[in-house]
N, C-alpha and C. Protein backbone atom coordinates (compact mmCIF):
# COMPACT_ATOMS: atom_id res chain seq x y z
N MET A 1 161.99 107.04 125.31
CA MET A 1 160.72 106.89 124.64
C MET A 1 159.89 108.14 124.95
N ARG A 2 159.38 108.78 123.91
CA ARG A 2 158.54 109.96 124.12
C ARG A 2 157.45 110.02 123.06
N ILE A 3 156.34 110.61 123.45
CA ILE A 3 155.24 110.72 122.49
C ILE A 3 155.48 111.91 121.57
N GLU A 4 154.94 111.81 120.39
CA GLU A 4 155.02 112.90 119.41
C GLU A 4 154.32 114.12 120.01
N LYS A 5 155.00 115.25 120.02
CA LYS A 5 154.44 116.44 120.68
C LYS A 5 153.24 117.04 119.95
N ASN A 6 153.08 116.72 118.69
CA ASN A 6 151.98 117.27 117.91
C ASN A 6 150.79 116.32 117.83
N VAL A 7 150.56 115.58 118.90
CA VAL A 7 149.41 114.67 118.98
C VAL A 7 148.73 114.91 120.32
N ILE A 8 147.41 115.05 120.28
CA ILE A 8 146.68 115.28 121.52
C ILE A 8 145.63 114.19 121.72
N LEU A 9 145.39 113.89 122.98
CA LEU A 9 144.36 112.92 123.36
C LEU A 9 143.09 113.68 123.68
N ARG A 10 141.97 113.25 123.09
CA ARG A 10 140.69 113.88 123.35
C ARG A 10 139.62 112.81 123.55
N GLU A 11 138.65 113.16 124.39
CA GLU A 11 137.48 112.31 124.56
C GLU A 11 136.34 112.98 123.81
N ILE A 12 135.75 112.24 122.90
CA ILE A 12 134.64 112.76 122.11
C ILE A 12 133.53 111.72 122.13
N ALA A 13 132.38 112.12 122.64
CA ALA A 13 131.20 111.23 122.71
C ALA A 13 131.53 109.91 123.38
N GLY A 14 132.33 109.96 124.45
CA GLY A 14 132.66 108.76 125.20
C GLY A 14 133.76 107.90 124.59
N GLU A 15 134.32 108.31 123.48
CA GLU A 15 135.41 107.60 122.82
C GLU A 15 136.68 108.43 122.93
N TYR A 16 137.81 107.75 123.10
CA TYR A 16 139.10 108.44 123.17
C TYR A 16 139.81 108.31 121.84
N ILE A 17 140.35 109.43 121.38
CA ILE A 17 141.06 109.44 120.11
C ILE A 17 142.33 110.28 120.24
N LEU A 18 143.32 109.91 119.44
CA LEU A 18 144.54 110.70 119.31
C LEU A 18 144.42 111.49 118.02
N ILE A 19 144.62 112.78 118.13
CA ILE A 19 144.44 113.67 117.00
C ILE A 19 145.76 114.35 116.66
N PRO A 20 146.24 114.21 115.42
CA PRO A 20 147.47 114.89 115.04
C PRO A 20 147.21 116.39 114.85
N THR A 21 148.18 117.19 115.24
CA THR A 21 148.10 118.64 115.06
C THR A 21 149.39 119.12 114.40
N GLY A 22 149.39 120.36 113.99
CA GLY A 22 150.61 120.96 113.44
C GLY A 22 151.19 120.14 112.31
N SER A 23 152.51 119.99 112.32
CA SER A 23 153.20 119.28 111.25
C SER A 23 152.84 117.80 111.21
N MET A 24 152.43 117.24 112.34
CA MET A 24 152.05 115.83 112.38
C MET A 24 150.80 115.57 111.55
N ALA A 25 149.92 116.56 111.44
CA ALA A 25 148.69 116.41 110.66
C ALA A 25 149.00 116.20 109.18
N LEU A 26 150.16 116.66 108.73
CA LEU A 26 150.56 116.46 107.34
C LEU A 26 151.03 115.03 107.10
N LYS A 27 151.65 114.42 108.12
CA LYS A 27 152.17 113.05 108.01
C LYS A 27 151.09 112.00 108.24
N PHE A 28 150.25 112.26 109.23
CA PHE A 28 149.26 111.27 109.67
C PHE A 28 147.88 111.88 109.52
N THR A 29 147.21 111.50 108.46
CA THR A 29 145.87 112.02 108.25
C THR A 29 144.86 111.09 108.90
N GLY A 30 143.90 111.64 109.57
CA GLY A 30 142.90 110.84 110.25
C GLY A 30 143.09 110.91 111.75
N ILE A 31 142.44 109.98 112.43
CA ILE A 31 142.52 109.92 113.88
C ILE A 31 142.85 108.49 114.28
N PHE A 32 143.24 108.30 115.51
CA PHE A 32 143.62 107.00 116.02
C PHE A 32 142.80 106.75 117.28
N ALA A 33 141.79 105.87 117.19
CA ALA A 33 140.94 105.57 118.34
C ALA A 33 141.68 104.61 119.27
N ILE A 34 141.56 104.86 120.58
CA ILE A 34 142.21 103.98 121.55
C ILE A 34 141.22 103.58 122.64
N ASN A 35 141.48 102.43 123.24
CA ASN A 35 140.61 101.92 124.29
C ASN A 35 141.11 102.40 125.66
N GLU A 36 140.46 101.89 126.71
CA GLU A 36 140.79 102.32 128.07
C GLU A 36 142.26 102.05 128.42
N LEU A 37 142.76 100.88 128.04
CA LEU A 37 144.17 100.56 128.30
C LEU A 37 145.08 101.54 127.56
N GLY A 38 144.74 101.84 126.31
CA GLY A 38 145.52 102.78 125.53
C GLY A 38 145.56 104.16 126.17
N VAL A 39 144.43 104.59 126.70
CA VAL A 39 144.37 105.90 127.39
C VAL A 39 145.31 105.88 128.59
N SER A 40 145.27 104.81 129.37
CA SER A 40 146.14 104.71 130.55
C SER A 40 147.61 104.73 130.14
N VAL A 41 147.96 103.99 129.11
CA VAL A 41 149.34 103.96 128.62
C VAL A 41 149.74 105.34 128.13
N TRP A 42 148.89 106.00 127.34
CA TRP A 42 149.19 107.32 126.81
C TRP A 42 149.47 108.32 127.93
N LYS A 43 148.63 108.31 128.96
CA LYS A 43 148.80 109.25 130.07
C LYS A 43 150.12 108.98 130.81
N LEU A 44 150.49 107.73 130.94
CA LEU A 44 151.77 107.40 131.57
C LEU A 44 152.93 107.84 130.69
N LEU A 45 152.78 107.71 129.38
CA LEU A 45 153.80 108.21 128.45
C LEU A 45 153.94 109.73 128.57
N GLU A 46 152.81 110.42 128.71
CA GLU A 46 152.85 111.87 128.89
C GLU A 46 153.64 112.25 130.15
N ASP A 47 153.60 111.38 131.16
CA ASP A 47 154.33 111.61 132.41
C ASP A 47 155.79 111.18 132.31
N GLY A 48 156.21 110.72 131.13
CA GLY A 48 157.60 110.34 130.92
C GLY A 48 157.97 108.95 131.38
N LYS A 49 156.98 108.09 131.60
CA LYS A 49 157.24 106.72 132.07
C LYS A 49 157.79 105.86 130.94
N GLU A 50 158.65 104.93 131.31
CA GLU A 50 159.20 103.96 130.38
C GLU A 50 158.35 102.69 130.41
N GLU A 51 158.61 101.78 129.48
CA GLU A 51 157.78 100.58 129.32
C GLU A 51 157.62 99.79 130.63
N GLY A 52 158.70 99.52 131.31
CA GLY A 52 158.63 98.75 132.56
C GLY A 52 157.81 99.45 133.62
N GLU A 53 157.96 100.76 133.71
CA GLU A 53 157.19 101.54 134.68
C GLU A 53 155.70 101.53 134.33
N ILE A 54 155.41 101.57 133.05
CA ILE A 54 154.03 101.54 132.59
C ILE A 54 153.38 100.21 132.98
N ILE A 55 154.08 99.13 132.73
CA ILE A 55 153.54 97.81 133.05
C ILE A 55 153.33 97.67 134.55
N SER A 56 154.31 98.10 135.34
CA SER A 56 154.17 98.02 136.81
C SER A 56 152.98 98.82 137.30
N SER A 57 152.82 100.01 136.77
CA SER A 57 151.71 100.87 137.18
C SER A 57 150.36 100.25 136.81
N LEU A 58 150.28 99.70 135.61
CA LEU A 58 149.02 99.13 135.13
C LEU A 58 148.68 97.82 135.83
N MET A 59 149.69 97.10 136.31
CA MET A 59 149.43 95.86 137.06
C MET A 59 148.61 96.16 138.31
N GLN A 60 148.80 97.35 138.86
CA GLN A 60 148.05 97.75 140.05
C GLN A 60 146.63 98.19 139.70
N GLU A 61 146.44 98.63 138.46
CA GLU A 61 145.15 99.17 138.04
C GLU A 61 144.21 98.11 137.46
N TYR A 62 144.77 97.14 136.74
CA TYR A 62 143.96 96.14 136.05
C TYR A 62 144.12 94.76 136.67
N GLU A 63 143.06 93.99 136.67
CA GLU A 63 143.11 92.62 137.16
C GLU A 63 143.37 91.70 135.98
N VAL A 64 144.65 91.55 135.68
CA VAL A 64 145.08 90.74 134.55
C VAL A 64 146.46 90.18 134.89
N ASP A 65 146.80 89.05 134.28
CA ASP A 65 148.12 88.49 134.55
C ASP A 65 149.19 89.32 133.83
N GLU A 66 150.39 89.29 134.38
CA GLU A 66 151.47 90.14 133.87
C GLU A 66 151.83 89.82 132.43
N GLU A 67 151.78 88.55 132.05
CA GLU A 67 152.13 88.15 130.69
C GLU A 67 151.17 88.78 129.67
N THR A 68 149.88 88.73 129.96
CA THR A 68 148.88 89.31 129.06
C THR A 68 149.03 90.81 128.99
N LEU A 69 149.19 91.46 130.14
CA LEU A 69 149.33 92.92 130.17
C LEU A 69 150.58 93.35 129.42
N THR A 70 151.68 92.66 129.65
CA THR A 70 152.93 93.00 128.98
C THR A 70 152.76 92.90 127.47
N ALA A 71 152.15 91.84 126.99
CA ALA A 71 151.92 91.67 125.55
C ALA A 71 151.04 92.78 125.00
N ASP A 72 149.97 93.12 125.72
CA ASP A 72 149.06 94.18 125.27
C ASP A 72 149.77 95.54 125.21
N VAL A 73 150.55 95.85 126.24
CA VAL A 73 151.27 97.12 126.26
C VAL A 73 152.28 97.18 125.12
N LYS A 74 153.04 96.09 124.92
CA LYS A 74 154.02 96.05 123.84
C LYS A 74 153.36 96.23 122.48
N ASP A 75 152.20 95.57 122.28
CA ASP A 75 151.47 95.70 121.02
C ASP A 75 151.02 97.15 120.80
N PHE A 76 150.50 97.76 121.85
CA PHE A 76 150.03 99.15 121.72
C PHE A 76 151.20 100.08 121.43
N LEU A 77 152.31 99.92 122.14
CA LEU A 77 153.48 100.77 121.90
C LEU A 77 153.99 100.59 120.48
N GLN A 78 153.98 99.36 119.98
CA GLN A 78 154.42 99.10 118.61
C GLN A 78 153.49 99.79 117.60
N SER A 79 152.18 99.77 117.85
CA SER A 79 151.24 100.47 116.96
C SER A 79 151.54 101.96 116.93
N LEU A 80 151.83 102.53 118.10
CA LEU A 80 152.17 103.95 118.15
C LEU A 80 153.44 104.24 117.37
N ARG A 81 154.43 103.36 117.51
CA ARG A 81 155.70 103.55 116.77
C ARG A 81 155.47 103.48 115.26
N GLU A 82 154.68 102.51 114.83
CA GLU A 82 154.42 102.34 113.40
C GLU A 82 153.75 103.56 112.80
N LYS A 83 152.94 104.24 113.59
CA LYS A 83 152.25 105.44 113.13
C LYS A 83 153.03 106.72 113.44
N GLU A 84 154.26 106.52 113.97
CA GLU A 84 155.16 107.61 114.33
C GLU A 84 154.57 108.53 115.39
N LEU A 85 153.73 107.95 116.26
CA LEU A 85 153.16 108.71 117.37
C LEU A 85 154.00 108.56 118.64
N LEU A 86 154.94 107.59 118.60
CA LEU A 86 155.84 107.35 119.71
C LEU A 86 157.26 107.30 119.14
N LEU A 87 158.14 108.07 119.73
CA LEU A 87 159.51 108.16 119.26
C LEU A 87 160.45 107.55 120.29
N ASP A 88 161.46 106.84 119.84
CA ASP A 88 162.42 106.23 120.77
C ASP A 88 163.64 107.10 120.94
């Protein structure tokens, strides 16, 4: 699992967004706003972490049950895949 190399994470006015660059800008027009959990997942993806590692790491960071966190992470990863921002 790896993130699309032509997408960058930026903080603008307190909001985090994923911005397509280069050839990705031709495929995906617009921006993709993400929340705090999304930012944490994205940064772990940048570090080359896999889904299980991401969930384990986030369990230490957030006070939430594992079932809820796992579902949220899976949903976010699926959104990234649908927008071709995450490649398997």
